[in-house]
Amino acid sequence: MKVDESDIIAGLQKGEEKAYEYVFQTYYPLMRHVAANFLSDDFTAETVVSDVISHLFERREAIDIRYSLRSFLLTSVRNASINYLGTRVQRMEAPFCTISDGKVSSFNSIGHTHDPLGRLLEDELENEIEDAINSLPETTSRVFRKSRFEGKSYKEIAEEEGVTINSIQYHIKRSLMILHETLGKRLR
């Protein structure tokens, strides 16, 4: 029996349980597959898909599906996955922003300086981060340090280095990617 997509969309807008069951049974595996391709993590993919379906329910009155329910759902999952990756990069960048004068100032999320084990872990992490930054290619390391330690804008660094802002963006992106690969497991 062929299901009329416009009935499903209308059911979603009304909050009908059968419409959401249909979406879940019909599209969940594909949505999860799309999210997993972006995120390379099944658990996170399932979480993102669940969030998309929850958001669909929460915003049901405002749903504006013009072409295809399938396209709408897959686009929503793709966008949610990209947003998740963006916030993950921001979370990765945040600890590096607390670095000053070439040294990590404090990682309160690991432990407090009053806790000897926490301080030991902080010191160990500081050394790992410093080693990782030192292992970057020379120009990339220099650009990263100017951006993160000295607080200089991309424009200022570009002028100092005699390159374009796009080059600076490339070096920052490259340094974050390398640092993520090097320190990613440690920071999780």
N, C-alpha and C. Protein backbone atom coordinates (compact mmCIF):
# COMPACT_ATOMS: atom_id res chain seq x y z
N MET A 1 0.83 -1.18 0.00
CA MET A 1 0.00 0.00 0.00
C MET A 1 0.88 1.25 0.00
N LYS A 2 0.63 2.14 -0.92
CA LYS A 2 1.41 3.36 -1.06
C LYS A 2 0.91 4.41 -0.07
N VAL A 3 1.85 5.01 0.62
CA VAL A 3 1.54 6.03 1.61
C VAL A 3 1.63 7.39 0.93
N ASP A 4 0.63 8.22 1.18
CA ASP A 4 0.62 9.57 0.62
C ASP A 4 1.50 10.46 1.51
N GLU A 5 2.57 10.97 0.93
CA GLU A 5 3.53 11.77 1.70
C GLU A 5 2.90 13.02 2.28
N SER A 6 1.95 13.61 1.57
CA SER A 6 1.31 14.82 2.09
C SER A 6 0.50 14.50 3.36
N ASP A 7 -0.05 13.29 3.45
CA ASP A 7 -0.76 12.89 4.67
C ASP A 7 0.23 12.73 5.83
N ILE A 8 1.40 12.19 5.54
CA ILE A 8 2.41 12.02 6.57
C ILE A 8 2.87 13.40 7.07
N ILE A 9 3.12 14.31 6.14
CA ILE A 9 3.55 15.66 6.52
C ILE A 9 2.48 16.34 7.36
N ALA A 10 1.23 16.21 6.95
CA ALA A 10 0.13 16.80 7.73
C ALA A 10 0.06 16.16 9.12
N GLY A 11 0.28 14.85 9.17
CA GLY A 11 0.29 14.15 10.46
C GLY A 11 1.42 14.61 11.35
N LEU A 12 2.59 14.84 10.75
CA LEU A 12 3.72 15.36 11.52
C LEU A 12 3.39 16.73 12.10
N GLN A 13 2.75 17.57 11.29
CA GLN A 13 2.41 18.92 11.75
C GLN A 13 1.39 18.89 12.88
N LYS A 14 0.53 17.86 12.88
CA LYS A 14 -0.49 17.73 13.93
C LYS A 14 0.05 16.98 15.15
N GLY A 15 1.25 16.40 15.02
CA GLY A 15 1.83 15.66 16.14
C GLY A 15 1.28 14.25 16.26
N GLU A 16 0.77 13.69 15.17
CA GLU A 16 0.19 12.35 15.21
C GLU A 16 1.28 11.29 15.36
N GLU A 17 1.08 10.42 16.32
CA GLU A 17 2.06 9.39 16.64
C GLU A 17 2.34 8.49 15.44
N LYS A 18 1.32 8.15 14.68
CA LYS A 18 1.50 7.25 13.52
C LYS A 18 2.42 7.87 12.46
N ALA A 19 2.35 9.17 12.30
CA ALA A 19 3.21 9.85 11.31
C ALA A 19 4.67 9.77 11.77
N TYR A 20 4.91 9.95 13.06
CA TYR A 20 6.27 9.87 13.58
C TYR A 20 6.79 8.44 13.55
N GLU A 21 5.90 7.48 13.80
CA GLU A 21 6.30 6.08 13.69
C GLU A 21 6.71 5.76 12.25
N TYR A 22 5.93 6.29 11.30
CA TYR A 22 6.25 6.07 9.89
C TYR A 22 7.64 6.65 9.55
N VAL A 23 7.91 7.87 10.01
CA VAL A 23 9.21 8.49 9.76
C VAL A 23 10.31 7.64 10.37
N PHE A 24 10.08 7.21 11.59
CA PHE A 24 11.10 6.43 12.28
C PHE A 24 11.35 5.10 11.55
N GLN A 25 10.30 4.37 11.22
CA GLN A 25 10.44 3.07 10.58
C GLN A 25 10.98 3.18 9.15
N THR A 26 10.58 4.21 8.45
CA THR A 26 10.95 4.34 7.04
C THR A 26 12.30 5.00 6.84
N TYR A 27 12.58 6.04 7.60
CA TYR A 27 13.76 6.86 7.32
C TYR A 27 14.89 6.77 8.35
N TYR A 28 14.62 6.25 9.53
CA TYR A 28 15.66 6.22 10.56
C TYR A 28 16.95 5.56 10.10
N PRO A 29 16.91 4.36 9.49
CA PRO A 29 18.18 3.73 9.08
C PRO A 29 18.98 4.59 8.09
N LEU A 30 18.30 5.21 7.16
CA LEU A 30 18.98 6.06 6.18
C LEU A 30 19.52 7.32 6.85
N MET A 31 18.74 7.90 7.73
CA MET A 31 19.18 9.11 8.44
C MET A 31 20.42 8.80 9.30
N ARG A 32 20.39 7.66 9.98
CA ARG A 32 21.52 7.26 10.80
C ARG A 32 22.75 7.00 9.96
N HIS A 33 22.55 6.42 8.79
CA HIS A 33 23.67 6.16 7.87
C HIS A 33 24.30 7.48 7.41
N VAL A 34 23.49 8.44 7.06
CA VAL A 34 24.00 9.75 6.62
C VAL A 34 24.77 10.42 7.75
N ALA A 35 24.21 10.41 8.95
CA ALA A 35 24.89 11.03 10.10
C ALA A 35 26.20 10.31 10.40
N ALA A 36 26.19 8.98 10.34
CA ALA A 36 27.40 8.20 10.63
C ALA A 36 28.50 8.50 9.62
N ASN A 37 28.13 8.75 8.36
CA ASN A 37 29.14 9.10 7.36
C ASN A 37 29.80 10.43 7.68
N PHE A 38 29.05 11.35 8.23
CA PHE A 38 29.62 12.65 8.60
C PHE A 38 30.44 12.54 9.88
N LEU A 39 29.92 11.81 10.85
CA LEU A 39 30.46 11.85 12.20
C LEU A 39 31.42 10.72 12.54
N SER A 40 31.41 9.66 11.76
CA SER A 40 32.28 8.49 11.98
C SER A 40 32.14 7.92 13.39
N ASP A 41 30.95 8.01 13.93
CA ASP A 41 30.70 7.51 15.28
C ASP A 41 29.21 7.14 15.36
N ASP A 42 28.93 5.85 15.51
CA ASP A 42 27.55 5.38 15.51
C ASP A 42 26.71 5.97 16.64
N PHE A 43 27.26 6.04 17.83
CA PHE A 43 26.51 6.57 18.96
C PHE A 43 26.13 8.04 18.73
N THR A 44 27.09 8.83 18.29
CA THR A 44 26.82 10.24 18.03
C THR A 44 25.83 10.39 16.88
N ALA A 45 25.97 9.54 15.86
CA ALA A 45 25.03 9.57 14.73
C ALA A 45 23.61 9.31 15.21
N GLU A 46 23.45 8.31 16.07
CA GLU A 46 22.11 8.00 16.60
C GLU A 46 21.58 9.16 17.43
N THR A 47 22.44 9.81 18.18
CA THR A 47 22.03 10.95 18.99
C THR A 47 21.58 12.10 18.10
N VAL A 48 22.34 12.37 17.05
CA VAL A 48 21.99 13.46 16.13
C VAL A 48 20.66 13.18 15.46
N VAL A 49 20.45 11.95 15.01
CA VAL A 49 19.18 11.60 14.35
C VAL A 49 18.02 11.73 15.34
N SER A 50 18.21 11.26 16.56
CA SER A 50 17.17 11.40 17.58
C SER A 50 16.86 12.87 17.85
N ASP A 51 17.90 13.69 17.87
CA ASP A 51 17.69 15.13 18.07
C ASP A 51 16.90 15.74 16.91
N VAL A 52 17.20 15.30 15.69
CA VAL A 52 16.47 15.82 14.52
C VAL A 52 14.99 15.45 14.63
N ILE A 53 14.72 14.21 14.99
CA ILE A 53 13.31 13.77 15.10
C ILE A 53 12.63 14.50 16.25
N SER A 54 13.32 14.69 17.36
CA SER A 54 12.75 15.44 18.49
C SER A 54 12.46 16.88 18.09
N HIS A 55 13.42 17.48 17.39
CA HIS A 55 13.25 18.86 16.93
C HIS A 55 12.07 18.96 15.96
N LEU A 56 11.92 17.94 15.13
CA LEU A 56 10.79 17.88 14.19
C LEU A 56 9.48 17.92 14.97
N PHE A 57 9.41 17.19 16.06
CA PHE A 57 8.20 17.17 16.88
C PHE A 57 8.00 18.51 17.59
N GLU A 58 9.07 19.05 18.17
CA GLU A 58 8.97 20.30 18.91
C GLU A 58 8.53 21.46 18.03
N ARG A 59 8.96 21.44 16.79
CA ARG A 59 8.67 22.55 15.87
C ARG A 59 7.63 22.15 14.83
N ARG A 60 6.77 21.20 15.16
CA ARG A 60 5.85 20.60 14.19
C ARG A 60 4.94 21.61 13.50
N GLU A 61 4.50 22.63 14.23
CA GLU A 61 3.60 23.61 13.60
C GLU A 61 4.32 24.44 12.54
N ALA A 62 5.62 24.58 12.68
CA ALA A 62 6.39 25.43 11.76
C ALA A 62 7.02 24.62 10.61
N ILE A 63 6.74 23.33 10.55
CA ILE A 63 7.32 22.50 9.49
C ILE A 63 6.91 23.03 8.13
N ASP A 64 7.88 23.23 7.28
CA ASP A 64 7.62 23.73 5.93
C ASP A 64 8.36 22.83 4.94
N ILE A 65 7.73 21.71 4.62
CA ILE A 65 8.32 20.74 3.70
C ILE A 65 7.70 20.98 2.34
N ARG A 66 8.49 21.50 1.43
CA ARG A 66 7.96 21.91 0.13
C ARG A 66 8.09 20.84 -0.95
N TYR A 67 9.11 20.01 -0.85
CA TYR A 67 9.37 19.08 -1.95
C TYR A 67 9.19 17.63 -1.53
N SER A 68 10.05 17.17 -0.67
CA SER A 68 10.05 15.76 -0.33
C SER A 68 10.39 15.60 1.14
N LEU A 69 9.64 14.74 1.81
CA LEU A 69 9.90 14.45 3.21
C LEU A 69 11.28 13.85 3.37
N ARG A 70 11.63 12.94 2.48
CA ARG A 70 12.95 12.29 2.53
C ARG A 70 14.07 13.33 2.42
N SER A 71 13.96 14.22 1.45
CA SER A 71 14.97 15.27 1.27
C SER A 71 15.05 16.17 2.49
N PHE A 72 13.90 16.53 3.04
CA PHE A 72 13.85 17.38 4.22
C PHE A 72 14.58 16.72 5.38
N LEU A 73 14.28 15.45 5.62
CA LEU A 73 14.89 14.73 6.74
C LEU A 73 16.39 14.57 6.56
N LEU A 74 16.81 14.19 5.35
CA LEU A 74 18.24 13.99 5.11
C LEU A 74 19.01 15.31 5.17
N THR A 75 18.41 16.38 4.68
CA THR A 75 19.04 17.70 4.78
C THR A 75 19.14 18.11 6.25
N SER A 76 18.09 17.84 7.02
CA SER A 76 18.11 18.17 8.45
C SER A 76 19.22 17.41 9.17
N VAL A 77 19.38 16.13 8.84
CA VAL A 77 20.43 15.32 9.47
C VAL A 77 21.81 15.82 9.05
N ARG A 78 21.95 16.13 7.77
CA ARG A 78 23.24 16.64 7.28
C ARG A 78 23.60 17.94 8.00
N ASN A 79 22.65 18.85 8.10
CA ASN A 79 22.90 20.13 8.77
C ASN A 79 23.19 19.94 10.25
N ALA A 80 22.46 19.05 10.90
CA ALA A 80 22.69 18.79 12.33
C ALA A 80 24.08 18.17 12.54
N SER A 81 24.48 17.31 11.62
CA SER A 81 25.81 16.69 11.73
C SER A 81 26.90 17.74 11.55
N ILE A 82 26.73 18.61 10.59
CA ILE A 82 27.70 19.68 10.35
C ILE A 82 27.75 20.61 11.56
N ASN A 83 26.59 20.94 12.12
CA ASN A 83 26.55 21.78 13.32
C ASN A 83 27.26 21.10 14.48
N TYR A 84 27.06 19.80 14.63
CA TYR A 84 27.74 19.07 15.70
C TYR A 84 29.25 19.13 15.51
N LEU A 85 29.70 18.90 14.29
CA LEU A 85 31.14 18.96 14.02
C LEU A 85 31.68 20.35 14.32
N GLY A 86 30.92 21.38 13.97
CA GLY A 86 31.35 22.75 14.25
C GLY A 86 31.48 23.02 15.73
N THR A 87 30.52 22.55 16.53
CA THR A 87 30.62 22.77 17.96
C THR A 87 31.74 21.94 18.56
N ARG A 88 32.01 20.78 17.98
CA ARG A 88 33.11 19.97 18.49
C ARG A 88 34.44 20.67 18.24
N VAL A 89 34.58 21.30 17.08
CA VAL A 89 35.81 22.05 16.79
C VAL A 89 35.93 23.22 17.76
N GLN A 90 34.83 23.90 18.04
CA GLN A 90 34.87 25.01 19.00
C GLN A 90 35.29 24.52 20.38
N ARG A 91 34.78 23.35 20.78
CA ARG A 91 35.17 22.80 22.08
C ARG A 91 36.65 22.45 22.08
N MET A 92 37.17 21.99 20.94
CA MET A 92 38.59 21.67 20.84
C MET A 92 39.42 22.95 20.90
N GLU A 93 38.91 24.02 20.27
CA GLU A 93 39.65 25.28 20.25
C GLU A 93 39.67 25.94 21.60
N ALA A 94 38.63 25.80 22.39
CA ALA A 94 38.52 26.51 23.66
C ALA A 94 39.71 26.26 24.58
N PRO A 95 40.16 25.01 24.77
CA PRO A 95 41.31 24.85 25.66
C PRO A 95 42.56 25.55 25.14
N PHE A 96 42.74 25.59 23.81
CA PHE A 96 43.92 26.23 23.27
C PHE A 96 43.85 27.74 23.44
N CYS A 97 42.65 28.28 23.53
CA CYS A 97 42.51 29.72 23.73
C CYS A 97 42.94 30.12 25.13
N THR A 98 43.02 29.18 26.04
CA THR A 98 43.44 29.51 27.40
C THR A 98 44.95 29.44 27.55
N ILE A 99 45.64 29.20 26.45
CA ILE A 99 47.09 29.14 26.47
C ILE A 99 47.62 30.56 26.35
N SER A 100 48.56 30.92 27.20
CA SER A 100 49.14 32.25 27.10
C SER A 100 50.65 32.14 27.31
N ASP A 101 51.37 33.00 26.65
CA ASP A 101 52.83 33.01 26.74
C ASP A 101 53.44 31.65 26.43
N GLY A 102 52.78 30.90 25.57
CA GLY A 102 53.33 29.61 25.18
C GLY A 102 53.11 28.52 26.20
N LYS A 103 52.41 28.81 27.27
CA LYS A 103 52.15 27.81 28.31
C LYS A 103 50.65 27.71 28.55
N VAL A 104 50.21 26.53 28.88
CA VAL A 104 48.81 26.34 29.22
C VAL A 104 48.58 26.92 30.61
N SER A 105 47.60 27.80 30.74
CA SER A 105 47.41 28.46 32.02
C SER A 105 46.74 27.56 33.04
N SER A 106 45.68 26.90 32.66
CA SER A 106 44.98 26.07 33.63
C SER A 106 43.92 25.23 32.93
N PHE A 107 43.80 24.00 33.32
CA PHE A 107 42.76 23.13 32.81
C PHE A 107 41.91 22.69 33.99
N ASN A 108 41.00 23.57 34.40
CA ASN A 108 40.18 23.27 35.57
C ASN A 108 39.28 22.07 35.36
N SER A 109 39.02 21.72 34.11
CA SER A 109 38.16 20.57 33.86
C SER A 109 38.84 19.27 34.24
N ILE A 110 40.14 19.25 34.30
CA ILE A 110 40.86 18.03 34.65
C ILE A 110 40.97 17.90 36.16
N GLY A 111 41.35 18.93 36.79
CA GLY A 111 41.51 18.88 38.23
C GLY A 111 41.90 20.24 38.75
N HIS A 112 41.91 20.37 40.03
CA HIS A 112 42.28 21.64 40.63
C HIS A 112 43.73 21.57 41.09
N THR A 113 44.36 22.71 41.19
CA THR A 113 45.76 22.74 41.61
C THR A 113 45.92 22.25 43.03
N HIS A 114 44.82 22.22 43.80
CA HIS A 114 44.89 21.72 45.17
C HIS A 114 44.96 20.20 45.20
N ASP A 115 44.57 19.58 44.12
CA ASP A 115 44.57 18.12 44.03
C ASP A 115 45.87 17.68 43.35
N PRO A 116 46.74 16.97 44.06
CA PRO A 116 48.03 16.59 43.47
C PRO A 116 47.90 15.78 42.18
N LEU A 117 46.94 14.86 42.15
CA LEU A 117 46.75 14.07 40.93
C LEU A 117 46.26 14.95 39.80
N GLY A 118 45.33 15.85 40.11
CA GLY A 118 44.82 16.77 39.10
C GLY A 118 45.92 17.65 38.55
N ARG A 119 46.79 18.15 39.43
CA ARG A 119 47.90 19.01 39.00
C ARG A 119 48.89 18.22 38.14
N LEU A 120 49.13 16.97 38.52
CA LEU A 120 50.02 16.10 37.74
C LEU A 120 49.45 15.87 36.35
N LEU A 121 48.15 15.62 36.27
CA LEU A 121 47.51 15.43 34.97
C LEU A 121 47.56 16.71 34.14
N GLU A 122 47.35 17.85 34.80
CA GLU A 122 47.43 19.14 34.10
C GLU A 122 48.83 19.35 33.52
N ASP A 123 49.85 19.09 34.34
CA ASP A 123 51.23 19.27 33.89
C ASP A 123 51.54 18.34 32.71
N GLU A 124 51.07 17.11 32.82
CA GLU A 124 51.31 16.15 31.75
C GLU A 124 50.63 16.60 30.46
N LEU A 125 49.40 17.08 30.58
CA LEU A 125 48.67 17.56 29.41
C LEU A 125 49.32 18.80 28.83
N GLU A 126 49.78 19.70 29.70
CA GLU A 126 50.48 20.90 29.23
C GLU A 126 51.70 20.51 28.39
N ASN A 127 52.45 19.54 28.87
CA ASN A 127 53.64 19.08 28.13
C ASN A 127 53.26 18.44 26.81
N GLU A 128 52.19 17.65 26.80
CA GLU A 128 51.75 17.02 25.55
C GLU A 128 51.30 18.07 24.54
N ILE A 129 50.59 19.08 25.00
CA ILE A 129 50.13 20.14 24.10
C ILE A 129 51.32 20.91 23.56
N GLU A 130 52.24 21.26 24.44
CA GLU A 130 53.43 22.00 24.01
C GLU A 130 54.24 21.19 23.00
N ASP A 131 54.40 19.89 23.25
CA ASP A 131 55.11 19.01 22.31
C ASP A 131 54.39 18.96 20.97
N ALA A 132 53.07 18.86 21.01
CA ALA A 132 52.28 18.79 19.78
C ALA A 132 52.42 20.09 18.98
N ILE A 133 52.40 21.22 19.66
CA ILE A 133 52.55 22.51 18.97
C ILE A 133 53.96 22.62 18.39
N ASN A 134 54.94 22.17 19.15
CA ASN A 134 56.32 22.21 18.65
C ASN A 134 56.54 21.29 17.46
N SER A 135 55.73 20.26 17.34
CA SER A 135 55.90 19.32 16.22
C SER A 135 55.23 19.81 14.94
N LEU A 136 54.47 20.90 15.02
CA LEU A 136 53.85 21.46 13.82
C LEU A 136 54.93 21.99 12.88
N PRO A 137 54.65 22.02 11.58
CA PRO A 137 55.60 22.67 10.67
C PRO A 137 55.86 24.10 11.14
N GLU A 138 57.06 24.60 10.88
CA GLU A 138 57.51 25.87 11.45
C GLU A 138 56.54 27.02 11.22
N THR A 139 56.12 27.23 9.98
CA THR A 139 55.23 28.35 9.67
C THR A 139 53.87 28.15 10.35
N THR A 140 53.37 26.94 10.29
CA THR A 140 52.08 26.65 10.91
C THR A 140 52.14 26.88 12.41
N SER A 141 53.22 26.44 13.04
CA SER A 141 53.40 26.64 14.47
C SER A 141 53.47 28.13 14.81
N ARG A 142 54.23 28.87 14.02
CA ARG A 142 54.40 30.30 14.27
C ARG A 142 53.05 31.03 14.15
N VAL A 143 52.30 30.70 13.09
CA VAL A 143 50.99 31.32 12.88
C VAL A 143 50.04 30.95 14.01
N PHE A 144 50.05 29.69 14.40
CA PHE A 144 49.18 29.23 15.49
C PHE A 144 49.51 29.97 16.79
N ARG A 145 50.78 30.09 17.11
CA ARG A 145 51.18 30.77 18.34
C ARG A 145 50.76 32.25 18.32
N LYS A 146 50.95 32.91 17.18
CA LYS A 146 50.55 34.31 17.09
C LYS A 146 49.04 34.47 17.28
N SER A 147 48.30 33.53 16.72
CA SER A 147 46.84 33.60 16.83
C SER A 147 46.37 33.28 18.24
N ARG A 148 46.86 32.18 18.79
CA ARG A 148 46.33 31.71 20.07
C ARG A 148 47.04 32.29 21.29
N PHE A 149 48.34 32.47 21.22
CA PHE A 149 49.08 32.95 22.38
C PHE A 149 49.14 34.46 22.44
N GLU A 150 49.33 35.07 21.28
CA GLU A 150 49.48 36.53 21.25
C GLU A 150 48.16 37.24 20.98
N GLY A 151 47.12 36.49 20.62
CA GLY A 151 45.80 37.07 20.40
C GLY A 151 45.70 37.95 19.17
N LYS A 152 46.58 37.73 18.20
CA LYS A 152 46.58 38.56 17.00
C LYS A 152 45.49 38.10 16.03
N SER A 153 44.96 39.06 15.29
CA SER A 153 43.94 38.74 14.29
C SER A 153 44.61 38.13 13.06
N TYR A 154 43.81 37.47 12.24
CA TYR A 154 44.33 36.87 11.02
C TYR A 154 44.96 37.95 10.13
N LYS A 155 44.32 39.12 10.11
CA LYS A 155 44.84 40.22 9.29
C LYS A 155 46.22 40.65 9.78
N GLU A 156 46.37 40.81 11.09
CA GLU A 156 47.67 41.21 11.65
C GLU A 156 48.75 40.17 11.34
N ILE A 157 48.41 38.92 11.50
CA ILE A 157 49.38 37.85 11.23
C ILE A 157 49.74 37.83 9.75
N ALA A 158 48.74 38.01 8.89
CA ALA A 158 48.98 38.01 7.45
C ALA A 158 49.95 39.13 7.07
N GLU A 159 49.77 40.29 7.66
CA GLU A 159 50.66 41.41 7.38
C GLU A 159 52.08 41.12 7.86
N GLU A 160 52.19 40.55 9.06
CA GLU A 160 53.52 40.22 9.60
C GLU A 160 54.22 39.15 8.78
N GLU A 161 53.46 38.17 8.33
CA GLU A 161 54.04 37.04 7.59
C GLU A 161 54.19 37.34 6.09
N GLY A 162 53.54 38.41 5.64
CA GLY A 162 53.61 38.77 4.23
C GLY A 162 52.84 37.80 3.33
N VAL A 163 51.71 37.29 3.86
CA VAL A 163 50.88 36.36 3.09
C VAL A 163 49.44 36.83 3.16
N THR A 164 48.56 36.10 2.48
CA THR A 164 47.14 36.47 2.48
C THR A 164 46.45 35.93 3.73
N ILE A 165 45.30 36.49 4.02
CA ILE A 165 44.49 36.02 5.14
C ILE A 165 44.09 34.56 4.91
N ASN A 166 43.83 34.20 3.64
CA ASN A 166 43.49 32.81 3.33
C ASN A 166 44.61 31.86 3.73
N SER A 167 45.85 32.29 3.56
CA SER A 167 46.99 31.46 3.97
C SER A 167 46.99 31.27 5.48
N ILE A 168 46.68 32.33 6.21
CA ILE A 168 46.63 32.24 7.66
C ILE A 168 45.51 31.29 8.08
N GLN A 169 44.35 31.42 7.44
CA GLN A 169 43.24 30.52 7.74
C GLN A 169 43.65 29.07 7.47
N TYR A 170 44.37 28.85 6.39
CA TYR A 170 44.85 27.50 6.06
C TYR A 170 45.76 26.98 7.17
N HIS A 171 46.70 27.80 7.63
CA HIS A 171 47.63 27.35 8.67
C HIS A 171 46.91 27.07 10.00
N ILE A 172 45.95 27.91 10.35
CA ILE A 172 45.19 27.69 11.58
C ILE A 172 44.38 26.40 11.46
N LYS A 173 43.70 26.24 10.34
CA LYS A 173 42.91 25.03 10.13
C LYS A 173 43.81 23.80 10.16
N ARG A 174 44.95 23.89 9.50
CA ARG A 174 45.90 22.77 9.46
C ARG A 174 46.42 22.45 10.86
N SER A 175 46.76 23.49 11.63
CA SER A 175 47.29 23.26 12.98
C SER A 175 46.23 22.61 13.86
N LEU A 176 44.98 23.08 13.77
CA LEU A 176 43.92 22.49 14.58
C LEU A 176 43.67 21.04 14.18
N MET A 177 43.74 20.76 12.89
CA MET A 177 43.54 19.40 12.42
C MET A 177 44.65 18.48 12.95
N ILE A 178 45.89 18.94 12.85
CA ILE A 178 47.03 18.14 13.33
C ILE A 178 46.95 17.97 14.84
N LEU A 179 46.64 19.04 15.55
CA LEU A 179 46.54 18.95 17.01
C LEU A 179 45.38 18.05 17.42
N HIS A 180 44.30 18.11 16.67
CA HIS A 180 43.16 17.24 16.96
C HIS A 180 43.56 15.78 16.78
N GLU A 181 44.29 15.49 15.70
CA GLU A 181 44.74 14.11 15.47
C GLU A 181 45.72 13.68 16.56
N THR A 182 46.62 14.57 16.93
CA THR A 182 47.65 14.24 17.92
C THR A 182 47.08 14.13 19.32
N LEU A 183 46.21 15.07 19.68
CA LEU A 183 45.73 15.14 21.06
C LEU A 183 44.29 14.67 21.23
N GLY A 184 43.61 14.38 20.12
CA GLY A 184 42.19 14.05 20.17
C GLY A 184 41.85 12.98 21.17
N LYS A 185 42.56 11.88 21.15
CA LYS A 185 42.24 10.77 22.07
C LYS A 185 42.48 11.19 23.51
N ARG A 186 43.50 12.00 23.73
CA ARG A 186 43.85 12.42 25.08
C ARG A 186 42.81 13.36 25.66
N LEU A 187 42.22 14.23 24.81
CA LEU A 187 41.29 15.24 25.29
C LEU A 187 39.86 14.74 25.40
N ARG A 188 39.57 13.56 24.90
CA ARG A 188 38.20 13.04 24.97
C ARG A 188 37.87 12.61 26.36
